[in-house]
Amino acid sequence: MKINNFDLKRDGTFIIAELSANHGGSIEIAKQTIKAAKEIGANAIKLQTYTADTITLNCDKDDFIIKGGTLWDNRKLYDLYKEAYTPWEWHKELFEYARALDIDIFSSPFDRSAVDFLEQFNPSAYKIASFEITDYEFIRYTASKMRPMIISTGIATIDEIQDVVDICRSVGNSEIILLKCTSAYPAPLEDANLKTIPNLAQTFGVVSGFSDHTLGSTAPIVAVALGAKVIEKHFILDKSIGGADADFSMDKKEFAEMIQAIRDVEKLLGRVDYSMTEKKKQSRRFSRSLYVSCDIKKGEVFTEKNIRSVRPGYGMHPKYLKDVFGKEADRDFEFGDRLNINMKGDKK
């Protein structure tokens, strides 16, 4: 599967810098953040496309007041989204700016009108946020645009995950990436359950990844080691900007260190390889082999006293040690000679 020109099988981990609300209401900060994401090696910048009116109701009833121990407790949903949204009139300029820098850019739409709006920019993918996973008709409509679907599974039951995978496939879209996600901000490490990442891929026959809301970079690094092909993390130019998502976002230095660590993990994982490389062959000089441990006259018998398995590795393989015992020397050997004979007793 490809996201834009990035091949998930060939090119490693696709790392998404989530802009979200981290623009402080300034398009210039948004553009600086995109530039910073490019500079540190992120593969994509991701926006969120909604307005307060497309995502909730401007209602003061208790149902619409945030509670439950979040960063935003006692705030009205409408007010939070009005503060956090990315103005739609910025999108054209941000898409053009990112593409001029050669960093991929796409967005999370939150309703059909956002999908219709985003289509004009030919995005490389659509990201479905955790809290939208139960909106089946919205997912069906988005999947019908036949772009890769990156879907966070944070609040979903296993049946709902199966449902959305089936919905995507029912409209002919099998380009599905499921992200393990803990929908808490920030998310406790003990709730991450990263072993779910390979299970998502196995259970649903999709690519799996990780949308991270924990603090620090340990979780995404481990996720990659477990097989995550996509990593999404909130990115902020500078935490002094503040805003709704600042507390669980990484700044430029932190994000850069995470990216480097992920690339190091990819190198460490490599591939299944039992081949005898040149480096391995060179290193075998320091392995053990059979050497003469005291002078031996022609006709003497090889024994534990005159033949030993020692370093370096230029002599016979140690597996022949017991086989050479009892054989007669066909010539004189000096202390420190390599033992290289065939098993008939002739010099090799």
C-alpha atoms as a PDB file:
ATOM      1  CA  MET A   1       0.000   0.000   0.000  1.00  0.00           C
ATOM      2  CA  LYS A   2       1.151   3.515  -0.776  1.00  0.00           C
ATOM      3  CA  ILE A   3       0.335   6.854   0.818  1.00  0.00           C
ATOM      4  CA  ASN A   4       1.228   9.329  -1.877  1.00  0.00           C
ATOM      5  CA  ASN A   5       4.676   8.088  -3.008  1.00  0.00           C
ATOM      6  CA  PHE A   6       5.486   6.371   0.295  1.00  0.00           C
ATOM      7  CA  ASP A   7       5.436   2.569   0.001  1.00  0.00           C
ATOM      8  CA  LEU A   8       4.583   1.068   3.383  1.00  0.00           C
ATOM      9  CA  LYS A   9       6.274  -2.220   2.497  1.00  0.00           C
ATOM     10  CA  ARG A  10       9.460  -0.725   1.137  1.00  0.00           C
ATOM     11  CA  ASP A  11       9.995   2.647   2.776  1.00  0.00           C
ATOM     12  CA  GLY A  12       9.662   1.899   6.496  1.00  0.00           C
ATOM     13  CA  THR A  13       7.434   3.693   8.969  1.00  0.00           C
ATOM     14  CA  PHE A  14       5.176   6.514   7.783  1.00  0.00           C
ATOM     15  CA  ILE A  15       5.443   9.227  10.450  1.00  0.00           C
ATOM     16  CA  ILE A  16       2.627  11.759  10.688  1.00  0.00           C
ATOM     17  CA  ALA A  17       3.014  15.060  12.513  1.00  0.00           C
ATOM     18  CA  GLU A  18      -0.457  16.001  13.758  1.00  0.00           C
ATOM     19  CA  LEU A  19      -0.962  19.766  13.636  1.00  0.00           C
ATOM     20  CA  SER A  20      -4.451  19.691  15.211  1.00  0.00           C
ATOM     21  CA  ALA A  21      -4.967  22.852  17.295  1.00  0.00           C
ATOM     22  CA  ASN A  22      -1.263  23.646  17.586  1.00  0.00           C
ATOM     23  CA  HIS A  23      -1.367  26.735  15.387  1.00  0.00           C
ATOM     24  CA  GLY A  24      -2.487  29.203  18.037  1.00  0.00           C
ATOM     25  CA  GLY A  25      -4.944  30.763  15.619  1.00  0.00           C
ATOM     26  CA  SER A  26      -2.144  31.878  13.285  1.00  0.00           C
ATOM     27  CA  ILE A  27      -1.651  30.599   9.748  1.00  0.00           C
ATOM     28  CA  GLU A  28       1.977  31.690   9.951  1.00  0.00           C
ATOM     29  CA  ILE A  29       2.539  29.442  12.963  1.00  0.00           C
ATOM     30  CA  ALA A  30       0.800  26.650  11.047  1.00  0.00           C
ATOM     31  CA  LYS A  31       3.175  27.152   8.112  1.00  0.00           C
ATOM     32  CA  GLN A  32       6.221  27.308  10.383  1.00  0.00           C
ATOM     33  CA  THR A  33       5.073  24.049  11.959  1.00  0.00           C
ATOM     34  CA  ILE A  34       4.785  22.409   8.551  1.00  0.00           C
ATOM     35  CA  LYS A  35       8.277  23.596   7.672  1.00  0.00           C
ATOM     36  CA  ALA A  36       9.647  22.287  10.980  1.00  0.00           C
ATOM     37  CA  ALA A  37       7.996  18.900  10.367  1.00  0.00           C
ATOM     38  CA  LYS A  38       9.718  18.707   6.996  1.00  0.00           C
ATOM     39  CA  GLU A  39      13.075  19.702   8.488  1.00  0.00           C
ATOM     40  CA  ILE A  40      13.039  16.964  11.124  1.00  0.00           C
ATOM     41  CA  GLY A  41      12.040  14.238   8.689  1.00  0.00           C
ATOM     42  CA  ALA A  42       8.323  13.688   9.248  1.00  0.00           C
ATOM     43  CA  ASN A  43       6.641  12.106   6.239  1.00  0.00           C
ATOM     44  CA  ALA A  44       3.395  14.033   6.507  1.00  0.00           C
ATOM     45  CA  ILE A  45       1.612  16.849   8.274  1.00  0.00           C
ATOM     46  CA  LYS A  46      -2.021  16.258   9.142  1.00  0.00           C
ATOM     47  CA  LEU A  47      -4.741  18.833   9.624  1.00  0.00           C
ATOM     48  CA  GLN A  48      -8.217  18.533  11.123  1.00  0.00           C
ATOM     49  CA  THR A  49     -11.125  19.781   9.057  1.00  0.00           C
ATOM     50  CA  TYR A  50     -14.250  20.731  10.984  1.00  0.00           C
ATOM     51  CA  THR A  51     -16.008  23.707  12.486  1.00  0.00           C
ATOM     52  CA  ALA A  52     -17.717  23.871  15.829  1.00  0.00           C
ATOM     53  CA  ASP A  53     -21.043  23.736  13.996  1.00  0.00           C
ATOM     54  CA  THR A  54     -20.174  20.636  11.939  1.00  0.00           C
ATOM     55  CA  ILE A  55     -19.020  18.666  14.967  1.00  0.00           C
ATOM     56  CA  THR A  56     -21.439  19.577  17.766  1.00  0.00           C
ATOM     57  CA  LEU A  57     -24.327  21.822  18.836  1.00  0.00           C
ATOM     58  CA  ASN A  58     -23.990  25.221  20.466  1.00  0.00           C
ATOM     59  CA  CYS A  59     -25.860  23.999  23.497  1.00  0.00           C
ATOM     60  CA  ASP A  60     -25.414  24.755  27.207  1.00  0.00           C
ATOM     61  CA  LYS A  61     -27.108  21.612  28.474  1.00  0.00           C
ATOM     62  CA  ASP A  62     -25.111  19.359  30.758  1.00  0.00           C
ATOM     63  CA  ASP A  63     -24.572  16.750  28.038  1.00  0.00           C
ATOM     64  CA  PHE A  64     -22.485  19.276  26.118  1.00  0.00           C
ATOM     65  CA  ILE A  65     -20.190  20.184  29.048  1.00  0.00           C
ATOM     66  CA  ILE A  66     -16.929  18.235  29.132  1.00  0.00           C
ATOM     67  CA  LYS A  67     -16.295  16.138  32.209  1.00  0.00           C
ATOM     68  CA  GLY A  68     -14.576  12.930  33.236  1.00  0.00           C
ATOM     69  CA  GLY A  69     -11.091  14.038  34.246  1.00  0.00           C
ATOM     70  CA  THR A  70      -9.917  15.448  30.904  1.00  0.00           C
ATOM     71  CA  LEU A  71      -7.701  18.446  30.233  1.00  0.00           C
ATOM     72  CA  TRP A  72     -10.823  20.301  29.139  1.00  0.00           C
ATOM     73  CA  ASP A  73     -13.244  19.555  31.981  1.00  0.00           C
ATOM     74  CA  ASN A  74     -16.068  22.060  32.519  1.00  0.00           C
ATOM     75  CA  ARG A  75     -15.678  23.564  29.071  1.00  0.00           C
ATOM     76  CA  LYS A  76     -18.507  23.508  26.557  1.00  0.00           C
ATOM     77  CA  LEU A  77     -17.804  21.290  23.567  1.00  0.00           C
ATOM     78  CA  TYR A  78     -18.783  24.032  21.147  1.00  0.00           C
ATOM     79  CA  ASP A  79     -16.376  26.527  22.706  1.00  0.00           C
ATOM     80  CA  LEU A  80     -13.476  24.051  22.679  1.00  0.00           C
ATOM     81  CA  TYR A  81     -13.938  23.214  19.008  1.00  0.00           C
ATOM     82  CA  LYS A  82     -14.408  26.857  18.064  1.00  0.00           C
ATOM     83  CA  GLU A  83     -11.021  27.596  19.651  1.00  0.00           C
ATOM     84  CA  ALA A  84      -9.223  24.536  18.291  1.00  0.00           C
ATOM     85  CA  TYR A  85     -10.394  24.278  14.682  1.00  0.00           C
ATOM     86  CA  THR A  86      -8.241  25.062  11.664  1.00  0.00           C
ATOM     87  CA  PRO A  87     -10.011  27.690   9.528  1.00  0.00           C
ATOM     88  CA  TRP A  88     -11.135  26.217   6.253  1.00  0.00           C
ATOM     89  CA  GLU A  89      -9.940  29.265   4.369  1.00  0.00           C
ATOM     90  CA  TRP A  90      -6.371  28.322   5.395  1.00  0.00           C
ATOM     91  CA  HIS A  91      -6.463  24.906   3.780  1.00  0.00           C
ATOM     92  CA  LYS A  92      -5.597  25.881   0.214  1.00  0.00           C
ATOM     93  CA  GLU A  93      -2.546  27.851   1.312  1.00  0.00           C
ATOM     94  CA  LEU A  94      -1.404  25.129   3.731  1.00  0.00           C
ATOM     95  CA  PHE A  95      -1.763  22.361   1.142  1.00  0.00           C
ATOM     96  CA  GLU A  96       0.172  24.395  -1.417  1.00  0.00           C
ATOM     97  CA  TYR A  97       2.843  25.335   1.111  1.00  0.00           C
ATOM     98  CA  ALA A  98       3.393  21.738   2.253  1.00  0.00           C
ATOM     99  CA  ARG A  99       3.594  20.463  -1.295  1.00  0.00           C
ATOM    100  CA  ALA A 100       6.090  23.165  -2.207  1.00  0.00           C
ATOM    101  CA  LEU A 101       8.246  21.854   0.653  1.00  0.00           C
ATOM    102  CA  ASP A 102       7.732  18.266  -0.540  1.00  0.00           C
ATOM    103  CA  ILE A 103       6.064  17.008   2.609  1.00  0.00           C
ATOM    104  CA  ASP A 104       2.821  15.080   2.316  1.00  0.00           C
ATOM    105  CA  ILE A 105      -0.324  16.712   3.691  1.00  0.00           C
ATOM    106  CA  PHE A 106      -3.828  15.414   4.338  1.00  0.00           C
ATOM    107  CA  SER A 107      -6.532  15.841   6.939  1.00  0.00           C
ATOM    108  CA  SER A 108      -9.072  14.305   9.277  1.00  0.00           C
ATOM    109  CA  PRO A 109     -12.533  15.243   8.044  1.00  0.00           C
ATOM    110  CA  PHE A 110     -15.299  15.072  10.630  1.00  0.00           C
ATOM    111  CA  ASP A 111     -18.362  15.075   8.423  1.00  0.00           C
ATOM    112  CA  ARG A 112     -19.402  14.733   4.779  1.00  0.00           C
ATOM    113  CA  SER A 113     -19.096  18.464   4.122  1.00  0.00           C
ATOM    114  CA  ALA A 114     -15.447  18.331   5.195  1.00  0.00           C
ATOM    115  CA  VAL A 115     -14.807  15.421   2.806  1.00  0.00           C
ATOM    116  CA  ASP A 116     -16.427  17.342  -0.042  1.00  0.00           C
ATOM    117  CA  PHE A 117     -14.317  20.375   0.813  1.00  0.00           C
ATOM    118  CA  LEU A 118     -11.063  18.403   1.026  1.00  0.00           C
ATOM    119  CA  GLU A 119     -11.574  16.582  -2.258  1.00  0.00           C
ATOM    120  CA  GLN A 120     -10.556  19.712  -4.189  1.00  0.00           C
ATOM    121  CA  PHE A 121      -7.039  19.359  -2.745  1.00  0.00           C
ATOM    122  CA  ASN A 122      -6.600  15.738  -3.871  1.00  0.00           C
ATOM    123  CA  PRO A 123      -5.404  14.526  -0.442  1.00  0.00           C
ATOM    124  CA  SER A 124      -3.244  11.406  -0.327  1.00  0.00           C
ATOM    125  CA  ALA A 125      -5.394   9.809   2.396  1.00  0.00           C
ATOM    126  CA  TYR A 126      -8.168  10.408   4.867  1.00  0.00           C
ATOM    127  CA  LYS A 127      -7.731   9.942   8.597  1.00  0.00           C
ATOM    128  CA  ILE A 128     -10.774   8.955  10.652  1.00  0.00           C
ATOM    129  CA  ALA A 129     -10.506  10.099  14.259  1.00  0.00           C
ATOM    130  CA  SER A 130     -11.304   7.683  17.081  1.00  0.00           C
ATOM    131  CA  PHE A 131     -14.533   9.379  18.064  1.00  0.00           C
ATOM    132  CA  GLU A 132     -15.864   9.220  14.489  1.00  0.00           C
ATOM    133  CA  ILE A 133     -15.422   5.467  14.104  1.00  0.00           C
ATOM    134  CA  THR A 134     -19.048   4.803  15.043  1.00  0.00           C
ATOM    135  CA  ASP A 135     -20.393   7.130  12.331  1.00  0.00           C
ATOM    136  CA  TYR A 136     -20.807   4.371   9.758  1.00  0.00           C
ATOM    137  CA  GLU A 137     -22.427   6.410   7.005  1.00  0.00           C
ATOM    138  CA  PHE A 138     -19.708   9.028   7.276  1.00  0.00           C
ATOM    139  CA  ILE A 139     -17.059   6.304   6.978  1.00  0.00           C
ATOM    140  CA  ARG A 140     -18.872   4.775   4.013  1.00  0.00           C
ATOM    141  CA  TYR A 141     -18.965   8.147   2.265  1.00  0.00           C
ATOM    142  CA  THR A 142     -15.297   8.882   2.986  1.00  0.00           C
ATOM    143  CA  ALA A 143     -14.151   5.426   1.889  1.00  0.00           C
ATOM    144  CA  SER A 144     -16.088   5.840  -1.370  1.00  0.00           C
ATOM    145  CA  LYS A 145     -13.576   8.500  -2.406  1.00  0.00           C
ATOM    146  CA  MET A 146     -11.127   5.596  -2.838  1.00  0.00           C
ATOM    147  CA  ARG A 147      -8.260   7.092  -0.922  1.00  0.00           C
ATOM    148  CA  PRO A 148      -6.303   5.193   1.758  1.00  0.00           C
ATOM    149  CA  MET A 149      -8.307   5.130   4.989  1.00  0.00           C
ATOM    150  CA  ILE A 150      -6.302   5.606   8.192  1.00  0.00           C
ATOM    151  CA  ILE A 151      -8.671   4.783  11.038  1.00  0.00           C
ATOM    152  CA  SER A 152      -8.004   5.219  14.761  1.00  0.00           C
ATOM    153  CA  THR A 153      -9.681   2.536  16.852  1.00  0.00           C
ATOM    154  CA  GLY A 154      -9.477   4.198  20.279  1.00  0.00           C
ATOM    155  CA  ILE A 155     -13.075   3.909  21.446  1.00  0.00           C
ATOM    156  CA  ALA A 156     -14.249   1.076  19.204  1.00  0.00           C
ATOM    157  CA  THR A 157     -15.333  -2.408  20.146  1.00  0.00           C
ATOM    158  CA  ILE A 158     -13.878  -5.257  18.116  1.00  0.00           C
ATOM    159  CA  ASP A 159     -17.250  -5.630  16.373  1.00  0.00           C
ATOM    160  CA  GLU A 160     -17.254  -1.950  15.406  1.00  0.00           C
ATOM    161  CA  ILE A 161     -13.742  -2.289  14.007  1.00  0.00           C
ATOM    162  CA  GLN A 162     -14.902  -5.220  11.899  1.00  0.00           C
ATOM    163  CA  ASP A 163     -17.913  -3.194  10.795  1.00  0.00           C
ATOM    164  CA  VAL A 164     -15.848  -0.254   9.526  1.00  0.00           C
ATOM    165  CA  VAL A 165     -13.385  -2.567   7.764  1.00  0.00           C
ATOM    166  CA  ASP A 166     -16.322  -4.288   6.077  1.00  0.00           C
ATOM    167  CA  ILE A 167     -17.878  -0.930   5.159  1.00  0.00           C
ATOM    168  CA  CYS A 168     -14.674   0.232   3.465  1.00  0.00           C
ATOM    169  CA  ARG A 169     -14.379  -3.013   1.555  1.00  0.00           C
ATOM    170  CA  SER A 170     -18.062  -2.963   0.584  1.00  0.00           C
ATOM    171  CA  VAL A 171     -17.482   0.214  -1.437  1.00  0.00           C
ATOM    172  CA  GLY A 172     -14.373  -1.298  -3.053  1.00  0.00           C
ATOM    173  CA  ASN A 173     -11.795   0.364  -0.833  1.00  0.00           C
ATOM    174  CA  SER A 174      -9.299  -2.098   0.685  1.00  0.00           C
ATOM    175  CA  GLU A 175      -6.620   0.504   1.386  1.00  0.00           C
ATOM    176  CA  ILE A 176      -7.146   0.335   5.153  1.00  0.00           C
ATOM    177  CA  ILE A 177      -4.780   1.200   7.983  1.00  0.00           C
ATOM    178  CA  LEU A 178      -5.997   0.635  11.532  1.00  0.00           C
ATOM    179  CA  LEU A 179      -4.263   2.577  14.265  1.00  0.00           C
ATOM    180  CA  LYS A 180      -4.120   1.363  17.844  1.00  0.00           C
ATOM    181  CA  CYS A 181      -5.086   4.364  19.910  1.00  0.00           C
ATOM    182  CA  THR A 182      -5.865   5.152  23.524  1.00  0.00           C
ATOM    183  CA  SER A 183      -8.400   7.971  23.563  1.00  0.00           C
ATOM    184  CA  ALA A 184      -7.117   9.728  26.663  1.00  0.00           C
ATOM    185  CA  TYR A 185      -5.181  12.991  26.635  1.00  0.00           C
ATOM    186  CA  PRO A 186      -2.515  12.300  27.745  1.00  0.00           C
ATOM    187  CA  ALA A 187      -2.805   8.518  27.709  1.00  0.00           C
ATOM    188  CA  PRO A 188      -1.337   6.483  30.603  1.00  0.00           C
ATOM    189  CA  LEU A 189       1.361   4.018  29.534  1.00  0.00           C
ATOM    190  CA  GLU A 190      -0.443   1.133  31.201  1.00  0.00           C
ATOM    191  CA  ASP A 191      -3.433   1.714  28.911  1.00  0.00           C
ATOM    192  CA  ALA A 192      -1.438   1.576  25.672  1.00  0.00           C
ATOM    193  CA  ASN A 193      -1.668  -2.223  25.168  1.00  0.00           C
ATOM    194  CA  LEU A 194       0.682  -2.100  22.210  1.00  0.00           C
ATOM    195  CA  LYS A 195       0.511  -5.852  21.674  1.00  0.00           C
ATOM    196  CA  THR A 196      -2.781  -5.052  19.952  1.00  0.00           C
ATOM    197  CA  ILE A 197      -0.861  -3.562  16.989  1.00  0.00           C
ATOM    198  CA  PRO A 198       0.218  -6.836  15.346  1.00  0.00           C
ATOM    199  CA  ASN A 199      -3.125  -8.372  16.317  1.00  0.00           C
ATOM    200  CA  LEU A 200      -5.008  -5.673  14.384  1.00  0.00           C
ATOM    201  CA  ALA A 201      -3.088  -6.582  11.246  1.00  0.00           C
ATOM    202  CA  GLN A 202      -3.602 -10.322  11.751  1.00  0.00           C
ATOM    203  CA  THR A 203      -7.264 -10.151  12.763  1.00  0.00           C
ATOM    204  CA  PHE A 204      -8.530  -7.777  10.099  1.00  0.00           C
ATOM    205  CA  GLY A 205      -6.068  -8.347   7.250  1.00  0.00           C
ATOM    206  CA  VAL A 206      -4.964  -4.701   7.142  1.00  0.00           C
ATOM    207  CA  VAL A 207      -1.900  -2.560   7.771  1.00  0.00           C
ATOM    208  CA  SER A 208      -1.641  -1.533  11.423  1.00  0.00           C
ATOM    209  CA  GLY A 209      -0.078   1.424  13.181  1.00  0.00           C
ATOM    210  CA  PHE A 210      -0.270   3.611  16.251  1.00  0.00           C
ATOM    211  CA  SER A 211      -1.844   6.974  17.018  1.00  0.00           C
ATOM    212  CA  ASP A 212      -0.067   8.068  20.175  1.00  0.00           C
ATOM    213  CA  HIS A 213      -1.289  10.274  22.998  1.00  0.00           C
ATOM    214  CA  THR A 214       1.211   9.181  25.635  1.00  0.00           C
ATOM    215  CA  LEU A 215       3.925  11.511  26.862  1.00  0.00           C
ATOM    216  CA  GLY A 216       7.404  10.945  25.457  1.00  0.00           C
ATOM    217  CA  SER A 217       8.596   8.683  22.668  1.00  0.00           C
ATOM    218  CA  THR A 218       8.830   5.278  24.335  1.00  0.00           C
ATOM    219  CA  ALA A 219       5.405   4.130  23.111  1.00  0.00           C
ATOM    220  CA  PRO A 220       5.883   4.916  19.389  1.00  0.00           C
ATOM    221  CA  ILE A 221       9.371   3.389  19.426  1.00  0.00           C
ATOM    222  CA  VAL A 222       8.022   0.160  20.920  1.00  0.00           C
ATOM    223  CA  ALA A 223       5.087   0.279  18.493  1.00  0.00           C
ATOM    224  CA  VAL A 224       7.454   0.243  15.521  1.00  0.00           C
ATOM    225  CA  ALA A 225       9.332  -2.692  17.029  1.00  0.00           C
ATOM    226  CA  LEU A 226       5.981  -4.507  17.217  1.00  0.00           C
ATOM    227  CA  GLY A 227       5.225  -3.877  13.559  1.00  0.00           C
ATOM    228  CA  ALA A 228       3.487  -0.482  13.366  1.00  0.00           C
ATOM    229  CA  LYS A 229       3.816   0.872   9.836  1.00  0.00           C
ATOM    230  CA  VAL A 230       2.242   4.252  10.599  1.00  0.00           C
ATOM    231  CA  ILE A 231       2.936   6.489  13.604  1.00  0.00           C
ATOM    232  CA  GLU A 232       0.862   9.571  14.349  1.00  0.00           C
ATOM    233  CA  LYS A 233       1.851  12.024  17.068  1.00  0.00           C
ATOM    234  CA  HIS A 234       0.747  15.557  17.940  1.00  0.00           C
ATOM    235  CA  PHE A 235       3.369  18.114  16.931  1.00  0.00           C
ATOM    236  CA  ILE A 236       3.783  21.675  18.157  1.00  0.00           C
ATOM    237  CA  LEU A 237       6.387  24.201  17.065  1.00  0.00           C
ATOM    238  CA  ASP A 238       6.868  25.451  20.617  1.00  0.00           C
ATOM    239  CA  LYS A 239       4.840  24.565  23.697  1.00  0.00           C
ATOM    240  CA  SER A 240       4.697  28.224  24.641  1.00  0.00           C
ATOM    241  CA  ILE A 241       2.087  28.561  21.867  1.00  0.00           C
ATOM    242  CA  GLY A 242      -0.315  26.787  24.207  1.00  0.00           C
ATOM    243  CA  GLY A 243      -3.724  25.634  23.081  1.00  0.00           C
ATOM    244  CA  ALA A 244      -6.018  22.667  23.536  1.00  0.00           C
ATOM    245  CA  ASP A 245      -3.476  19.992  22.587  1.00  0.00           C
ATOM    246  CA  ALA A 246      -0.188  21.514  23.728  1.00  0.00           C
ATOM    247  CA  ASP A 247       0.154  19.457  26.905  1.00  0.00           C
ATOM    248  CA  PHE A 248       0.433  16.126  25.071  1.00  0.00           C
ATOM    249  CA  SER A 249       2.224  17.365  21.930  1.00  0.00           C
ATOM    250  CA  MET A 250       5.917  17.033  21.102  1.00  0.00           C
ATOM    251  CA  ASP A 251       7.990  20.072  20.231  1.00  0.00           C
ATOM    252  CA  LYS A 252      10.496  20.122  17.383  1.00  0.00           C
ATOM    253  CA  LYS A 253      13.417  18.733  19.389  1.00  0.00           C
ATOM    254  CA  GLU A 254      11.345  15.945  20.945  1.00  0.00           C
ATOM    255  CA  PHE A 255       9.736  14.982  17.650  1.00  0.00           C
ATOM    256  CA  ALA A 256      13.106  14.933  15.878  1.00  0.00           C
ATOM    257  CA  GLU A 257      14.531  12.634  18.548  1.00  0.00           C
ATOM    258  CA  MET A 258      11.533  10.331  18.181  1.00  0.00           C
ATOM    259  CA  ILE A 259      11.947  10.155  14.410  1.00  0.00           C
ATOM    260  CA  GLN A 260      15.645   9.347  14.755  1.00  0.00           C
ATOM    261  CA  ALA A 261      14.880   6.631  17.296  1.00  0.00           C
ATOM    262  CA  ILE A 262      12.265   5.109  14.978  1.00  0.00           C
ATOM    263  CA  ARG A 263      14.704   5.089  12.069  1.00  0.00           C
ATOM    264  CA  ASP A 264      17.270   3.420  14.329  1.00  0.00           C
ATOM    265  CA  VAL A 265      14.697   0.770  15.283  1.00  0.00           C
ATOM    266  CA  GLU A 266      14.055   0.100  11.594  1.00  0.00           C
ATOM    267  CA  LYS A 267      17.780  -0.476  11.069  1.00  0.00           C
ATOM    268  CA  LEU A 268      17.901  -2.762  14.087  1.00  0.00           C
ATOM    269  CA  LEU A 269      14.925  -4.817  12.920  1.00  0.00           C
ATOM    270  CA  GLY A 270      16.338  -5.285   9.435  1.00  0.00           C
ATOM    271  CA  ARG A 271      15.109  -8.545   7.905  1.00  0.00           C
ATOM    272  CA  VAL A 272      15.320 -12.255   8.577  1.00  0.00           C
ATOM    273  CA  ASP A 273      18.851 -13.047   7.455  1.00  0.00           C
ATOM    274  CA  TYR A 274      21.043 -16.101   8.013  1.00  0.00           C
ATOM    275  CA  SER A 275      23.424 -15.386   5.126  1.00  0.00           C
ATOM    276  CA  MET A 276      27.173 -15.381   5.599  1.00  0.00           C
ATOM    277  CA  THR A 277      28.019 -11.742   4.904  1.00  0.00           C
ATOM    278  CA  GLU A 278      31.535 -10.468   4.409  1.00  0.00           C
ATOM    279  CA  LYS A 279      31.397  -8.924   7.886  1.00  0.00           C
ATOM    280  CA  LYS A 280      30.457 -12.286   9.386  1.00  0.00           C
ATOM    281  CA  LYS A 281      33.248 -13.997   7.441  1.00  0.00           C
ATOM    282  CA  GLN A 282      35.757 -11.474   8.720  1.00  0.00           C
ATOM    283  CA  SER A 283      34.484 -11.842  12.267  1.00  0.00           C
ATOM    284  CA  ARG A 284      34.925 -15.610  12.099  1.00  0.00           C
ATOM    285  CA  ARG A 285      38.668 -14.982  12.369  1.00  0.00           C
ATOM    286  CA  PHE A 286      38.047 -14.576  16.076  1.00  0.00           C
ATOM    287  CA  SER A 287      36.050 -17.785  16.496  1.00  0.00           C
ATOM    288  CA  ARG A 288      37.560 -21.025  17.711  1.00  0.00           C
ATOM    289  CA  SER A 289      39.247 -23.658  15.534  1.00  0.00           C
ATOM    290  CA  LEU A 290      41.668 -26.559  15.955  1.00  0.00           C
ATOM    291  CA  TYR A 291      45.318 -25.760  16.688  1.00  0.00           C
ATOM    292  CA  VAL A 292      48.411 -27.724  17.677  1.00  0.00           C
ATOM    293  CA  SER A 293      49.035 -27.041  21.367  1.00  0.00           C
ATOM    294  CA  CYS A 294      52.477 -28.687  21.548  1.00  0.00           C
ATOM    295  CA  ASP A 295      55.035 -30.043  19.052  1.00  0.00           C
ATOM    296  CA  ILE A 296      53.941 -33.263  17.332  1.00  0.00           C
ATOM    297  CA  LYS A 297      56.223 -35.693  15.488  1.00  0.00           C
ATOM    298  CA  LYS A 298      55.137 -37.608  12.404  1.00  0.00           C
ATOM    299  CA  GLY A 299      53.330 -40.775  13.461  1.00  0.00           C
ATOM    300  CA  GLU A 300      52.242 -39.430  16.854  1.00  0.00           C
ATOM    301  CA  VAL A 301      48.577 -39.660  17.726  1.00  0.00           C
ATOM    302  CA  PHE A 302      46.413 -36.565  18.056  1.00  0.00           C
ATOM    303  CA  THR A 303      45.107 -36.291  21.625  1.00  0.00           C
ATOM    304  CA  GLU A 304      43.543 -33.793  24.032  1.00  0.00           C
ATOM    305  CA  LYS A 305      47.079 -32.832  25.061  1.00  0.00           C
ATOM    306  CA  ASN A 306      48.360 -31.791  21.624  1.00  0.00           C
ATOM    307  CA  ILE A 307      45.198 -30.577  19.848  1.00  0.00           C
ATOM    308  CA  ARG A 308      42.900 -27.889  21.255  1.00  0.00           C
ATOM    309  CA  SER A 309      39.947 -25.771  20.173  1.00  0.00           C
ATOM    310  CA  VAL A 310      41.176 -22.184  20.593  1.00  0.00           C
ATOM    311  CA  ARG A 311      40.964 -18.777  18.997  1.00  0.00           C
ATOM    312  CA  PRO A 312      41.575 -17.669  16.165  1.00  0.00           C
ATOM    313  CA  GLY A 313      39.487 -19.396  13.520  1.00  0.00           C
ATOM    314  CA  TYR A 314      41.928 -20.345  10.744  1.00  0.00           C
ATOM    315  CA  GLY A 315      42.112 -24.045  11.585  1.00  0.00           C
ATOM    316  CA  MET A 316      39.591 -26.853  11.270  1.00  0.00           C
ATOM    317  CA  HIS A 317      36.082 -26.436  12.611  1.00  0.00           C
ATOM    318  CA  PRO A 318      35.832 -27.415  16.307  1.00  0.00           C
ATOM    319  CA  LYS A 319      33.140 -29.944  15.393  1.00  0.00           C
ATOM    320  CA  TYR A 320      35.954 -32.234  14.179  1.00  0.00           C
ATOM    321  CA  LEU A 321      37.803 -32.239  17.519  1.00  0.00           C
ATOM    322  CA  LYS A 322      36.712 -35.688  18.697  1.00  0.00           C
ATOM    323  CA  ASP A 323      37.072 -37.103  15.175  1.00  0.00           C
ATOM    324  CA  VAL A 324      40.781 -36.200  14.924  1.00  0.00           C
ATOM    325  CA  PHE A 325      41.615 -37.767  18.272  1.00  0.00           C
ATOM    326  CA  GLY A 326      43.341 -41.099  17.610  1.00  0.00           C
ATOM    327  CA  LYS A 327      44.483 -40.153  14.112  1.00  0.00           C
ATOM    328  CA  GLU A 328      48.210 -40.300  13.388  1.00  0.00           C
ATOM    329  CA  ALA A 329      50.116 -37.217  12.277  1.00  0.00           C
ATOM    330  CA  ASP A 330      51.363 -37.598   8.688  1.00  0.00           C
ATOM    331  CA  ARG A 331      54.119 -35.051   9.274  1.00  0.00           C
ATOM    332  CA  ASP A 332      55.739 -32.989  11.991  1.00  0.00           C
ATOM    333  CA  PHE A 333      53.627 -30.186  13.532  1.00  0.00           C
ATOM    334  CA  GLU A 334      54.893 -27.240  15.562  1.00  0.00           C
ATOM    335  CA  PHE A 335      53.222 -25.543  18.502  1.00  0.00           C
ATOM    336  CA  GLY A 336      50.722 -23.016  17.130  1.00  0.00           C
ATOM    337  CA  ASP A 337      50.248 -24.662  13.741  1.00  0.00           C
ATOM    338  CA  ARG A 338      46.738 -24.706  12.327  1.00  0.00           C
ATOM    339  CA  LEU A 339      45.341 -28.197  12.160  1.00  0.00           C
ATOM    340  CA  ASN A 340      44.043 -28.646   8.631  1.00  0.00           C
ATOM    341  CA  ILE A 341      43.801 -32.328   7.680  1.00  0.00           C
ATOM    342  CA  ASN A 342      41.233 -34.448   5.943  1.00  0.00           C
ATOM    343  CA  MET A 343      39.677 -37.220   7.883  1.00  0.00           C
ATOM    344  CA  LYS A 344      41.811 -39.876   6.115  1.00  0.00           C
ATOM    345  CA  GLY A 345      44.825 -38.418   7.833  1.00  0.00           C
ATOM    346  CA  ASP A 346      46.231 -36.680   4.736  1.00  0.00           C
ATOM    347  CA  LYS A 347      47.283 -33.056   4.802  1.00  0.00           C
ATOM    348  CA  LYS A 348      44.701 -30.794   3.205  1.00  0.00           C
END
